[in-house]
Amino acid sequence: MANTDSTHAEGSLVRAIWRLELARARHLLRAYLRTRLHKLERHVTAVLDDPAMQARLSPLELQYAKVGRPLFTTQLLTALWREVIAPERLEGGLFLSM
């Protein structure tokens, strides 16, 4: 009877270790993919202008970059206007609205 209990306990321990390793692998994969997308967003123009870089992307990443490029550019220009250009125009008395 004691042998059966120890076998059951060992099996539970092995399952727990496997679950822990699976969770760790999922976490690493998610972190890798988040980093890859972040870099793609940051360097979307350079990536889309270079065919060699495009070849290194998956089809979904390439589609994401092509659809996202205008959005990222608009976001950058809006932030630039709001943070840099507009305050200078307000201080100088030359208010221009977007």
N, C-alpha and C. Protein backbone atom coordinates (compact mmCIF):
# COMPACT_ATOMS: atom_id res chain seq x y z
N MET A 1 0.82 -1.20 0.00
CA MET A 1 0.00 0.00 0.00
C MET A 1 0.87 1.27 0.00
N ALA A 2 1.93 1.26 0.75
CA ALA A 2 2.81 2.42 0.84
C ALA A 2 3.49 2.67 -0.50
N ASN A 3 3.80 1.60 -1.21
CA ASN A 3 4.43 1.73 -2.51
C ASN A 3 3.49 2.42 -3.51
N THR A 4 2.20 2.11 -3.45
CA THR A 4 1.21 2.73 -4.33
C THR A 4 1.08 4.21 -4.02
N ASP A 5 1.10 4.58 -2.76
CA ASP A 5 1.01 5.99 -2.36
C ASP A 5 2.22 6.78 -2.85
N SER A 6 3.40 6.19 -2.74
CA SER A 6 4.61 6.91 -3.18
C SER A 6 4.61 7.04 -4.71
N THR A 7 4.13 6.03 -5.43
CA THR A 7 4.05 6.11 -6.89
C THR A 7 3.06 7.20 -7.30
N HIS A 8 1.94 7.27 -6.60
CA HIS A 8 0.94 8.30 -6.88
C HIS A 8 1.51 9.70 -6.60
N ALA A 9 2.24 9.84 -5.51
CA ALA A 9 2.84 11.12 -5.16
C ALA A 9 3.89 11.53 -6.20
N GLU A 10 4.68 10.56 -6.67
CA GLU A 10 5.69 10.85 -7.69
C GLU A 10 5.02 11.27 -9.00
N GLY A 11 3.93 10.60 -9.34
CA GLY A 11 3.20 10.97 -10.56
C GLY A 11 2.63 12.37 -10.46
N SER A 12 2.11 12.73 -9.31
CA SER A 12 1.58 14.08 -9.11
C SER A 12 2.69 15.12 -9.22
N LEU A 13 3.85 14.79 -8.66
CA LEU A 13 4.99 15.71 -8.72
C LEU A 13 5.44 15.90 -10.17
N VAL A 14 5.52 14.82 -10.91
CA VAL A 14 5.93 14.90 -12.32
C VAL A 14 4.93 15.75 -13.11
N ARG A 15 3.64 15.54 -12.89
CA ARG A 15 2.62 16.35 -13.59
C ARG A 15 2.75 17.83 -13.23
N ALA A 16 3.00 18.11 -11.96
CA ALA A 16 3.16 19.50 -11.53
C ALA A 16 4.37 20.14 -12.19
N ILE A 17 5.46 19.40 -12.29
CA ILE A 17 6.66 19.93 -12.94
C ILE A 17 6.39 20.17 -14.43
N TRP A 18 5.70 19.25 -15.09
CA TRP A 18 5.36 19.44 -16.50
C TRP A 18 4.49 20.67 -16.70
N ARG A 19 3.51 20.86 -15.83
CA ARG A 19 2.64 22.04 -15.94
C ARG A 19 3.43 23.33 -15.75
N LEU A 20 4.35 23.30 -14.80
CA LEU A 20 5.19 24.47 -14.54
C LEU A 20 6.08 24.78 -15.75
N GLU A 21 6.66 23.76 -16.33
CA GLU A 21 7.50 23.96 -17.52
C GLU A 21 6.68 24.46 -18.71
N LEU A 22 5.48 23.93 -18.86
CA LEU A 22 4.61 24.38 -19.93
C LEU A 22 4.23 25.86 -19.75
N ALA A 23 3.93 26.26 -18.54
CA ALA A 23 3.60 27.66 -18.25
C ALA A 23 4.81 28.55 -18.52
N ARG A 24 6.00 28.09 -18.17
CA ARG A 24 7.23 28.86 -18.41
C ARG A 24 7.47 29.02 -19.92
N ALA A 25 7.28 27.96 -20.67
CA ALA A 25 7.47 28.01 -22.12
C ALA A 25 6.47 28.97 -22.77
N ARG A 26 5.23 28.93 -22.32
CA ARG A 26 4.21 29.85 -22.84
C ARG A 26 4.59 31.30 -22.54
N HIS A 27 5.07 31.55 -21.33
CA HIS A 27 5.47 32.90 -20.95
C HIS A 27 6.62 33.39 -21.83
N LEU A 28 7.62 32.54 -22.05
CA LEU A 28 8.75 32.92 -22.89
C LEU A 28 8.33 33.19 -24.33
N LEU A 29 7.44 32.37 -24.85
CA LEU A 29 6.96 32.56 -26.22
C LEU A 29 6.18 33.87 -26.35
N ARG A 30 5.31 34.13 -25.39
CA ARG A 30 4.55 35.40 -25.42
C ARG A 30 5.48 36.60 -25.33
N ALA A 31 6.47 36.54 -24.46
CA ALA A 31 7.42 37.65 -24.31
C ALA A 31 8.20 37.86 -25.61
N TYR A 32 8.61 36.77 -26.25
CA TYR A 32 9.33 36.86 -27.51
C TYR A 32 8.46 37.51 -28.59
N LEU A 33 7.22 37.07 -28.71
CA LEU A 33 6.33 37.62 -29.73
C LEU A 33 5.99 39.09 -29.46
N ARG A 34 5.80 39.45 -28.18
CA ARG A 34 5.55 40.86 -27.85
C ARG A 34 6.75 41.72 -28.25
N THR A 35 7.95 41.24 -27.96
CA THR A 35 9.16 41.99 -28.31
C THR A 35 9.30 42.12 -29.82
N ARG A 36 9.01 41.06 -30.53
CA ARG A 36 9.11 41.08 -32.00
C ARG A 36 8.13 42.09 -32.60
N LEU A 37 6.89 42.10 -32.11
CA LEU A 37 5.91 43.07 -32.61
C LEU A 37 6.28 44.50 -32.24
N HIS A 38 6.81 44.69 -31.05
CA HIS A 38 7.22 46.03 -30.62
C HIS A 38 8.33 46.55 -31.54
N LYS A 39 9.30 45.70 -31.85
CA LYS A 39 10.37 46.11 -32.76
C LYS A 39 9.83 46.38 -34.16
N LEU A 40 8.89 45.58 -34.60
CA LEU A 40 8.28 45.80 -35.92
C LEU A 40 7.56 47.14 -35.96
N GLU A 41 6.82 47.47 -34.90
CA GLU A 41 6.13 48.76 -34.84
C GLU A 41 7.12 49.91 -34.84
N ARG A 42 8.21 49.76 -34.11
CA ARG A 42 9.19 50.83 -33.99
C ARG A 42 9.95 51.06 -35.30
N HIS A 43 10.18 50.00 -36.06
CA HIS A 43 10.99 50.10 -37.27
C HIS A 43 10.21 49.73 -38.54
N VAL A 44 8.91 50.00 -38.53
CA VAL A 44 8.05 49.56 -39.63
C VAL A 44 8.48 50.14 -40.97
N THR A 45 8.88 51.37 -41.02
CA THR A 45 9.28 51.99 -42.28
C THR A 45 10.53 51.33 -42.84
N ALA A 46 11.52 51.13 -42.01
CA ALA A 46 12.76 50.49 -42.46
C ALA A 46 12.51 49.07 -42.92
N VAL A 47 11.66 48.35 -42.21
CA VAL A 47 11.36 46.96 -42.57
C VAL A 47 10.64 46.89 -43.90
N LEU A 48 9.65 47.75 -44.11
CA LEU A 48 8.88 47.70 -45.36
C LEU A 48 9.66 48.25 -46.55
N ASP A 49 10.68 49.04 -46.31
CA ASP A 49 11.49 49.57 -47.41
C ASP A 49 12.59 48.59 -47.84
N ASP A 50 12.83 47.55 -47.08
CA ASP A 50 13.91 46.60 -47.36
C ASP A 50 13.33 45.21 -47.66
N PRO A 51 13.40 44.75 -48.91
CA PRO A 51 12.85 43.43 -49.25
C PRO A 51 13.48 42.28 -48.46
N ALA A 52 14.75 42.40 -48.11
CA ALA A 52 15.40 41.35 -47.33
C ALA A 52 14.79 41.25 -45.94
N MET A 53 14.46 42.38 -45.38
CA MET A 53 13.81 42.37 -44.05
C MET A 53 12.39 41.83 -44.15
N GLN A 54 11.69 42.16 -45.21
CA GLN A 54 10.34 41.65 -45.40
C GLN A 54 10.33 40.13 -45.50
N ALA A 55 11.36 39.58 -46.12
CA ALA A 55 11.45 38.13 -46.28
C ALA A 55 11.58 37.41 -44.94
N ARG A 56 12.05 38.12 -43.92
CA ARG A 56 12.24 37.52 -42.60
C ARG A 56 10.96 37.52 -41.77
N LEU A 57 9.91 38.20 -42.26
CA LEU A 57 8.65 38.28 -41.52
C LEU A 57 7.73 37.14 -41.92
N SER A 58 6.88 36.76 -40.99
CA SER A 58 5.84 35.80 -41.32
C SER A 58 4.77 36.53 -42.14
N PRO A 59 3.90 35.81 -42.86
CA PRO A 59 2.85 36.48 -43.63
C PRO A 59 1.96 37.38 -42.75
N LEU A 60 1.64 36.94 -41.55
CA LEU A 60 0.81 37.77 -40.67
C LEU A 60 1.55 39.00 -40.18
N GLU A 61 2.85 38.88 -39.91
CA GLU A 61 3.63 40.05 -39.50
C GLU A 61 3.73 41.06 -40.64
N LEU A 62 3.90 40.57 -41.86
CA LEU A 62 3.98 41.47 -43.01
C LEU A 62 2.66 42.20 -43.22
N GLN A 63 1.57 41.49 -43.09
CA GLN A 63 0.25 42.12 -43.20
C GLN A 63 0.06 43.16 -42.09
N TYR A 64 0.44 42.82 -40.87
CA TYR A 64 0.35 43.74 -39.74
C TYR A 64 1.15 45.01 -40.01
N ALA A 65 2.34 44.85 -40.56
CA ALA A 65 3.19 46.01 -40.85
C ALA A 65 2.58 46.88 -41.93
N LYS A 66 2.05 46.26 -42.99
CA LYS A 66 1.48 47.04 -44.10
C LYS A 66 0.22 47.78 -43.67
N VAL A 67 -0.60 47.15 -42.87
CA VAL A 67 -1.83 47.80 -42.40
C VAL A 67 -1.48 48.84 -41.33
N GLY A 68 -0.52 48.53 -40.50
CA GLY A 68 -0.18 49.41 -39.39
C GLY A 68 0.66 50.60 -39.73
N ARG A 69 1.39 50.54 -40.84
CA ARG A 69 2.31 51.64 -41.19
C ARG A 69 1.62 53.01 -41.21
N PRO A 70 0.50 53.18 -41.90
CA PRO A 70 -0.16 54.50 -41.88
C PRO A 70 -0.64 54.89 -40.48
N LEU A 71 -1.08 53.90 -39.71
CA LEU A 71 -1.54 54.20 -38.36
C LEU A 71 -0.40 54.66 -37.47
N PHE A 72 0.75 53.97 -37.56
CA PHE A 72 1.91 54.35 -36.76
C PHE A 72 2.42 55.73 -37.15
N THR A 73 2.41 56.02 -38.46
CA THR A 73 2.87 57.32 -38.94
C THR A 73 1.94 58.43 -38.45
N THR A 74 0.65 58.20 -38.53
CA THR A 74 -0.32 59.19 -38.05
C THR A 74 -0.16 59.42 -36.56
N GLN A 75 0.02 58.35 -35.82
CA GLN A 75 0.21 58.48 -34.37
C GLN A 75 1.46 59.28 -34.05
N LEU A 76 2.54 59.02 -34.77
CA LEU A 76 3.78 59.75 -34.55
C LEU A 76 3.63 61.23 -34.87
N LEU A 77 3.00 61.54 -35.99
CA LEU A 77 2.80 62.94 -36.36
C LEU A 77 1.87 63.67 -35.39
N THR A 78 0.85 62.99 -34.92
CA THR A 78 -0.06 63.59 -33.94
C THR A 78 0.68 63.89 -32.64
N ALA A 79 1.49 62.94 -32.19
CA ALA A 79 2.25 63.15 -30.95
C ALA A 79 3.26 64.28 -31.13
N LEU A 80 3.91 64.32 -32.29
CA LEU A 80 4.87 65.39 -32.57
C LEU A 80 4.18 66.74 -32.55
N TRP A 81 3.02 66.83 -33.19
CA TRP A 81 2.27 68.09 -33.21
C TRP A 81 1.87 68.51 -31.80
N ARG A 82 1.33 67.58 -31.04
CA ARG A 82 0.81 67.89 -29.70
C ARG A 82 1.93 68.27 -28.73
N GLU A 83 3.06 67.59 -28.82
CA GLU A 83 4.11 67.78 -27.82
C GLU A 83 5.16 68.81 -28.20
N VAL A 84 5.41 69.00 -29.48
CA VAL A 84 6.52 69.87 -29.88
C VAL A 84 6.05 71.10 -30.64
N ILE A 85 5.30 70.90 -31.69
CA ILE A 85 4.98 72.02 -32.57
C ILE A 85 3.92 72.93 -31.97
N ALA A 86 2.82 72.38 -31.50
CA ALA A 86 1.73 73.21 -30.98
C ALA A 86 2.16 74.09 -29.81
N PRO A 87 2.88 73.59 -28.80
CA PRO A 87 3.28 74.48 -27.71
C PRO A 87 4.16 75.64 -28.18
N GLU A 88 5.04 75.40 -29.16
CA GLU A 88 5.89 76.48 -29.66
C GLU A 88 5.05 77.54 -30.37
N ARG A 89 4.04 77.13 -31.11
CA ARG A 89 3.19 78.09 -31.80
C ARG A 89 2.33 78.87 -30.81
N LEU A 90 1.88 78.22 -29.75
CA LEU A 90 1.09 78.92 -28.74
C LEU A 90 1.95 79.95 -28.02
N GLU A 91 3.17 79.59 -27.70
CA GLU A 91 4.05 80.52 -26.99
C GLU A 91 4.41 81.72 -27.87
N GLY A 92 4.55 81.49 -29.16
CA GLY A 92 4.93 82.56 -30.08
C GLY A 92 3.73 83.39 -30.56
N GLY A 93 2.52 83.00 -30.17
CA GLY A 93 1.34 83.73 -30.57
C GLY A 93 0.81 83.34 -31.94
N LEU A 94 1.35 82.29 -32.51
CA LEU A 94 0.90 81.85 -33.83
C LEU A 94 0.09 80.56 -33.67
N PHE A 95 -1.14 80.67 -33.30
CA PHE A 95 -1.96 79.47 -33.07
C PHE A 95 -2.53 78.98 -34.38
N LEU A 96 -2.25 77.72 -34.68
CA LEU A 96 -2.82 77.08 -35.85
C LEU A 96 -3.50 75.81 -35.39
N SER A 97 -4.70 75.57 -35.83
CA SER A 97 -5.38 74.35 -35.43
C SER A 97 -5.19 73.28 -36.50
N MET A 98 -5.28 72.03 -36.07
CA MET A 98 -5.14 70.91 -37.00
C MET A 98 -6.47 70.66 -37.67
